[in-house]
């Protein structure tokens, strides 16, 4: 039920996910650094799992970008996953979600 609500919330706030963005290369580097260090502190430095679940392409294969992006932006209630909305835009979360799904670290 939580997963369905998260997807519905993401679709409400993001009718069209734009993967093409105006994100600067410097900001992309910052986001990848955040992925490695901040996300990696819970999901493992290679994102193969830890306190949080694995974020590998095989695990995320069936998850839509909107779902991953909404999880990044709004966190997961009842888990240690915090909302990153105060620190990044929707476009940045979409970009990061795409990189995670592709396995780019």
N, C-alpha and C. Protein backbone atom coordinates (compact mmCIF):
# COMPACT_ATOMS: atom_id res chain seq x y z
N UNK A 1 0.81 -1.19 0.00
CA UNK A 1 0.00 0.00 0.00
C UNK A 1 0.86 1.26 0.00
N UNK A 2 1.94 1.27 0.80
CA UNK A 2 2.81 2.43 0.85
C UNK A 2 3.44 2.70 -0.51
N UNK A 3 3.82 1.62 -1.21
CA UNK A 3 4.46 1.78 -2.51
C UNK A 3 3.48 2.40 -3.51
N UNK A 4 2.24 1.98 -3.48
CA UNK A 4 1.22 2.53 -4.38
C UNK A 4 0.99 4.00 -4.07
N UNK A 5 0.93 4.34 -2.80
CA UNK A 5 0.73 5.74 -2.41
C UNK A 5 1.91 6.58 -2.84
N UNK A 6 3.13 6.05 -2.73
CA UNK A 6 4.32 6.78 -3.12
C UNK A 6 4.32 7.04 -4.63
N UNK A 7 3.95 6.06 -5.40
CA UNK A 7 3.87 6.25 -6.85
C UNK A 7 2.78 7.26 -7.19
N UNK A 8 1.62 7.16 -6.55
CA UNK A 8 0.54 8.11 -6.79
C UNK A 8 0.98 9.52 -6.44
N UNK A 9 1.67 9.68 -5.33
CA UNK A 9 2.16 10.99 -4.91
C UNK A 9 3.13 11.54 -5.94
N UNK A 10 4.04 10.69 -6.42
CA UNK A 10 5.01 11.15 -7.40
C UNK A 10 4.35 11.55 -8.71
N UNK A 11 3.33 10.81 -9.11
CA UNK A 11 2.63 11.15 -10.34
C UNK A 11 1.81 12.42 -10.20
N UNK A 12 1.30 12.66 -9.00
CA UNK A 12 0.56 13.89 -8.74
C UNK A 12 1.45 15.11 -8.88
N UNK A 13 2.66 15.02 -8.33
CA UNK A 13 3.58 16.15 -8.36
C UNK A 13 4.42 16.19 -9.63
N UNK A 14 4.45 15.13 -10.39
CA UNK A 14 5.29 15.06 -11.57
C UNK A 14 4.59 14.32 -12.70
N UNK A 15 3.65 14.98 -13.37
CA UNK A 15 2.93 14.29 -14.44
C UNK A 15 3.86 13.79 -15.55
N UNK A 16 4.89 14.52 -15.83
CA UNK A 16 5.86 14.10 -16.84
C UNK A 16 7.25 14.18 -16.24
N UNK A 17 7.93 13.06 -16.18
CA UNK A 17 9.28 13.07 -15.66
C UNK A 17 10.22 13.43 -16.79
N UNK A 18 10.94 14.50 -16.60
CA UNK A 18 11.89 14.93 -17.61
C UNK A 18 13.28 14.47 -17.20
N UNK A 19 13.86 13.60 -18.00
CA UNK A 19 15.20 13.14 -17.70
C UNK A 19 16.24 14.07 -18.30
N UNK A 20 15.88 14.78 -19.34
CA UNK A 20 16.74 15.80 -19.89
C UNK A 20 16.59 17.01 -18.98
N UNK A 21 17.70 17.59 -18.57
CA UNK A 21 17.60 18.66 -17.60
C UNK A 21 18.61 19.75 -17.87
N UNK A 22 18.48 20.77 -17.07
CA UNK A 22 19.41 21.88 -17.11
C UNK A 22 20.39 21.79 -15.95
N UNK A 23 20.67 20.60 -15.50
CA UNK A 23 21.57 20.40 -14.38
C UNK A 23 23.01 20.58 -14.87
N UNK A 24 23.75 21.44 -14.20
CA UNK A 24 25.13 21.69 -14.60
C UNK A 24 26.01 20.47 -14.29
N UNK A 25 27.12 20.38 -14.96
CA UNK A 25 28.03 19.26 -14.71
C UNK A 25 28.58 19.32 -13.29
N UNK A 26 28.74 20.52 -12.76
CA UNK A 26 29.20 20.65 -11.37
C UNK A 26 28.15 20.08 -10.41
N UNK A 27 26.87 20.39 -10.67
CA UNK A 27 25.81 19.86 -9.80
C UNK A 27 25.69 18.34 -9.97
N UNK A 28 25.85 17.85 -11.19
CA UNK A 28 25.84 16.40 -11.40
C UNK A 28 26.92 15.73 -10.57
N UNK A 29 28.09 16.33 -10.51
CA UNK A 29 29.18 15.79 -9.69
C UNK A 29 28.80 15.80 -8.21
N UNK A 30 28.15 16.89 -7.77
CA UNK A 30 27.70 16.96 -6.38
C UNK A 30 26.69 15.86 -6.07
N UNK A 31 25.76 15.64 -7.00
CA UNK A 31 24.75 14.61 -6.80
C UNK A 31 25.36 13.21 -6.75
N UNK A 32 26.34 12.96 -7.61
CA UNK A 32 27.01 11.66 -7.60
C UNK A 32 27.82 11.49 -6.31
N UNK A 33 28.39 12.58 -5.81
CA UNK A 33 29.10 12.53 -4.54
C UNK A 33 28.12 12.23 -3.40
N UNK A 34 26.95 12.86 -3.44
CA UNK A 34 25.91 12.60 -2.46
C UNK A 34 25.50 11.13 -2.51
N UNK A 35 25.34 10.61 -3.72
CA UNK A 35 24.97 9.20 -3.90
C UNK A 35 26.00 8.29 -3.26
N UNK A 36 27.25 8.55 -3.53
CA UNK A 36 28.32 7.69 -3.01
C UNK A 36 28.42 7.78 -1.50
N UNK A 37 28.42 8.99 -0.96
CA UNK A 37 28.70 9.16 0.46
C UNK A 37 27.46 9.13 1.33
N UNK A 38 26.44 9.88 0.98
CA UNK A 38 25.25 9.94 1.83
C UNK A 38 24.37 8.71 1.64
N UNK A 39 24.03 8.40 0.40
CA UNK A 39 23.20 7.21 0.15
C UNK A 39 23.99 5.95 0.51
N UNK A 40 25.28 5.96 0.16
CA UNK A 40 26.14 4.82 0.43
C UNK A 40 26.29 4.50 1.90
N UNK A 41 26.11 5.51 2.76
CA UNK A 41 26.26 5.24 4.19
C UNK A 41 25.18 4.28 4.70
N UNK A 42 24.04 4.25 4.05
CA UNK A 42 22.97 3.30 4.44
C UNK A 42 22.81 2.15 3.45
N UNK A 43 22.96 2.44 2.18
CA UNK A 43 22.73 1.43 1.15
C UNK A 43 24.01 0.69 0.76
N UNK A 44 25.10 0.99 1.44
CA UNK A 44 26.39 0.37 1.14
C UNK A 44 27.15 1.19 0.12
N UNK A 45 28.45 1.28 0.26
CA UNK A 45 29.25 2.13 -0.63
C UNK A 45 29.14 1.71 -2.09
N UNK A 46 28.86 0.45 -2.34
CA UNK A 46 28.65 0.00 -3.72
C UNK A 46 27.15 -0.16 -4.01
N UNK A 47 26.32 0.35 -3.09
CA UNK A 47 24.85 0.32 -3.20
C UNK A 47 24.28 -1.09 -3.28
N UNK A 48 25.01 -2.05 -2.72
CA UNK A 48 24.55 -3.44 -2.72
C UNK A 48 23.80 -3.80 -1.45
N UNK A 49 23.47 -2.79 -0.66
CA UNK A 49 22.68 -3.01 0.54
C UNK A 49 23.48 -2.81 1.80
N UNK A 50 22.78 -2.53 2.85
CA UNK A 50 23.35 -2.29 4.17
C UNK A 50 22.17 -2.11 5.10
N UNK A 51 22.12 -0.99 5.80
CA UNK A 51 20.95 -0.65 6.59
C UNK A 51 19.73 -0.55 5.66
N UNK A 52 19.95 0.08 4.51
CA UNK A 52 18.90 0.18 3.49
C UNK A 52 19.07 -0.91 2.45
N UNK A 53 18.05 -1.11 1.63
CA UNK A 53 18.12 -2.17 0.61
C UNK A 53 19.12 -1.84 -0.50
N UNK A 54 19.46 -2.86 -1.26
CA UNK A 54 20.34 -2.68 -2.42
C UNK A 54 19.67 -1.77 -3.44
N UNK A 55 20.50 -0.95 -4.09
CA UNK A 55 20.03 -0.05 -5.15
C UNK A 55 20.77 -0.39 -6.44
N UNK A 56 20.72 -1.63 -6.81
CA UNK A 56 21.41 -2.09 -8.00
C UNK A 56 20.42 -2.19 -9.17
N UNK A 57 20.93 -2.13 -10.40
CA UNK A 57 20.03 -2.19 -11.55
C UNK A 57 19.11 -3.41 -11.55
N UNK A 58 19.60 -4.56 -11.14
CA UNK A 58 18.75 -5.75 -11.15
C UNK A 58 17.61 -5.62 -10.13
N UNK A 59 17.88 -5.01 -8.99
CA UNK A 59 16.84 -4.82 -7.97
C UNK A 59 15.82 -3.76 -8.42
N UNK A 60 16.31 -2.74 -9.11
CA UNK A 60 15.45 -1.61 -9.50
C UNK A 60 14.84 -1.75 -10.88
N UNK A 61 15.12 -2.83 -11.55
CA UNK A 61 14.69 -3.02 -12.94
C UNK A 61 13.20 -2.74 -13.15
N UNK A 62 12.34 -3.23 -12.28
CA UNK A 62 10.89 -3.08 -12.46
C UNK A 62 10.33 -1.81 -11.81
N UNK A 63 11.19 -1.02 -11.17
CA UNK A 63 10.72 0.20 -10.51
C UNK A 63 10.76 1.36 -11.49
N UNK A 64 9.65 2.08 -11.65
CA UNK A 64 9.67 3.26 -12.52
C UNK A 64 10.54 4.38 -11.94
N UNK A 65 11.09 5.19 -12.81
CA UNK A 65 11.89 6.33 -12.38
C UNK A 65 11.09 7.20 -11.41
N UNK A 66 9.80 7.37 -11.67
CA UNK A 66 8.95 8.19 -10.80
C UNK A 66 8.94 7.66 -9.37
N UNK A 67 8.92 6.36 -9.24
CA UNK A 67 8.91 5.71 -7.92
C UNK A 67 10.23 5.98 -7.19
N UNK A 68 11.33 5.80 -7.89
CA UNK A 68 12.65 6.01 -7.29
C UNK A 68 12.82 7.48 -6.91
N UNK A 69 12.43 8.36 -7.82
CA UNK A 69 12.54 9.80 -7.58
C UNK A 69 11.68 10.22 -6.38
N UNK A 70 10.47 9.71 -6.29
CA UNK A 70 9.59 10.06 -5.16
C UNK A 70 10.19 9.56 -3.85
N UNK A 71 10.81 8.39 -3.87
CA UNK A 71 11.46 7.87 -2.67
C UNK A 71 12.60 8.80 -2.25
N UNK A 72 13.38 9.26 -3.22
CA UNK A 72 14.48 10.19 -2.93
C UNK A 72 13.92 11.49 -2.33
N UNK A 73 12.92 12.05 -2.98
CA UNK A 73 12.39 13.34 -2.56
C UNK A 73 11.63 13.30 -1.24
N UNK A 74 10.82 12.28 -1.04
CA UNK A 74 9.90 12.26 0.10
C UNK A 74 10.26 11.24 1.18
N UNK A 75 11.31 10.46 0.96
CA UNK A 75 11.71 9.47 1.94
C UNK A 75 10.70 8.35 2.05
N UNK A 76 10.84 7.56 3.10
CA UNK A 76 9.91 6.45 3.36
C UNK A 76 9.52 6.49 4.82
N UNK A 77 8.28 6.78 5.05
CA UNK A 77 7.75 6.84 6.40
C UNK A 77 7.96 5.51 7.12
N UNK A 78 8.36 5.59 8.37
CA UNK A 78 8.55 4.38 9.16
C UNK A 78 9.88 3.68 8.92
N UNK A 79 10.75 4.29 8.12
CA UNK A 79 12.08 3.73 7.85
C UNK A 79 13.12 4.83 8.08
N UNK A 80 14.39 4.48 8.08
CA UNK A 80 15.42 5.52 8.21
C UNK A 80 15.60 6.38 6.95
N UNK A 81 14.90 6.06 5.85
CA UNK A 81 15.06 6.81 4.60
C UNK A 81 14.48 8.21 4.75
N UNK A 82 15.36 9.25 4.75
CA UNK A 82 14.88 10.62 4.92
C UNK A 82 14.43 11.24 3.60
N UNK A 83 13.64 12.29 3.68
CA UNK A 83 13.31 13.04 2.47
C UNK A 83 14.48 13.94 2.08
N UNK A 84 14.86 13.91 0.83
CA UNK A 84 15.95 14.75 0.33
C UNK A 84 15.42 15.99 -0.37
N UNK A 85 14.13 16.19 -0.35
CA UNK A 85 13.49 17.34 -1.01
C UNK A 85 14.11 18.68 -0.62
N UNK A 86 14.50 18.88 0.64
CA UNK A 86 15.11 20.18 0.98
C UNK A 86 16.46 20.42 0.30
N UNK A 87 17.07 19.37 -0.23
CA UNK A 87 18.42 19.49 -0.76
C UNK A 87 18.53 19.36 -2.27
N UNK A 88 17.42 19.02 -2.93
CA UNK A 88 17.48 18.88 -4.38
C UNK A 88 16.12 19.12 -5.01
N UNK A 89 16.17 19.50 -6.26
CA UNK A 89 14.94 19.75 -7.02
C UNK A 89 14.38 18.44 -7.56
N UNK A 90 13.20 18.53 -8.09
CA UNK A 90 12.58 17.36 -8.71
C UNK A 90 13.41 16.88 -9.91
N UNK A 91 13.89 17.83 -10.71
CA UNK A 91 14.71 17.47 -11.87
C UNK A 91 15.99 16.77 -11.44
N UNK A 92 16.59 17.23 -10.34
CA UNK A 92 17.80 16.60 -9.84
C UNK A 92 17.51 15.20 -9.31
N UNK A 93 16.39 15.04 -8.62
CA UNK A 93 16.01 13.71 -8.12
C UNK A 93 15.74 12.76 -9.29
N UNK A 94 15.10 13.25 -10.34
CA UNK A 94 14.86 12.42 -11.52
C UNK A 94 16.18 12.00 -12.17
N UNK A 95 17.10 12.95 -12.28
CA UNK A 95 18.41 12.65 -12.87
C UNK A 95 19.14 11.60 -12.03
N UNK A 96 19.13 11.79 -10.72
CA UNK A 96 19.79 10.85 -9.82
C UNK A 96 19.12 9.48 -9.86
N UNK A 97 17.80 9.45 -9.90
CA UNK A 97 17.07 8.19 -9.99
C UNK A 97 17.47 7.42 -11.26
N UNK A 98 17.60 8.13 -12.36
CA UNK A 98 18.00 7.49 -13.61
C UNK A 98 19.41 6.92 -13.50
N UNK A 99 20.32 7.69 -12.90
CA UNK A 99 21.70 7.19 -12.72
C UNK A 99 21.72 5.95 -11.84
N UNK A 100 20.95 5.96 -10.74
CA UNK A 100 20.90 4.81 -9.85
C UNK A 100 20.36 3.59 -10.59
N UNK A 101 19.29 3.79 -11.33
CA UNK A 101 18.67 2.68 -12.06
C UNK A 101 19.62 2.10 -13.11
N UNK A 102 20.47 2.96 -13.70
CA UNK A 102 21.43 2.51 -14.70
C UNK A 102 22.66 1.87 -14.06
N UNK A 103 22.84 2.08 -12.76
CA UNK A 103 24.00 1.52 -12.08
C UNK A 103 25.22 2.43 -12.07
N UNK A 104 25.04 3.68 -12.49
CA UNK A 104 26.14 4.64 -12.48
C UNK A 104 26.34 5.12 -11.05
N UNK A 105 27.59 5.09 -10.59
CA UNK A 105 27.88 5.53 -9.22
C UNK A 105 28.82 6.67 -9.18
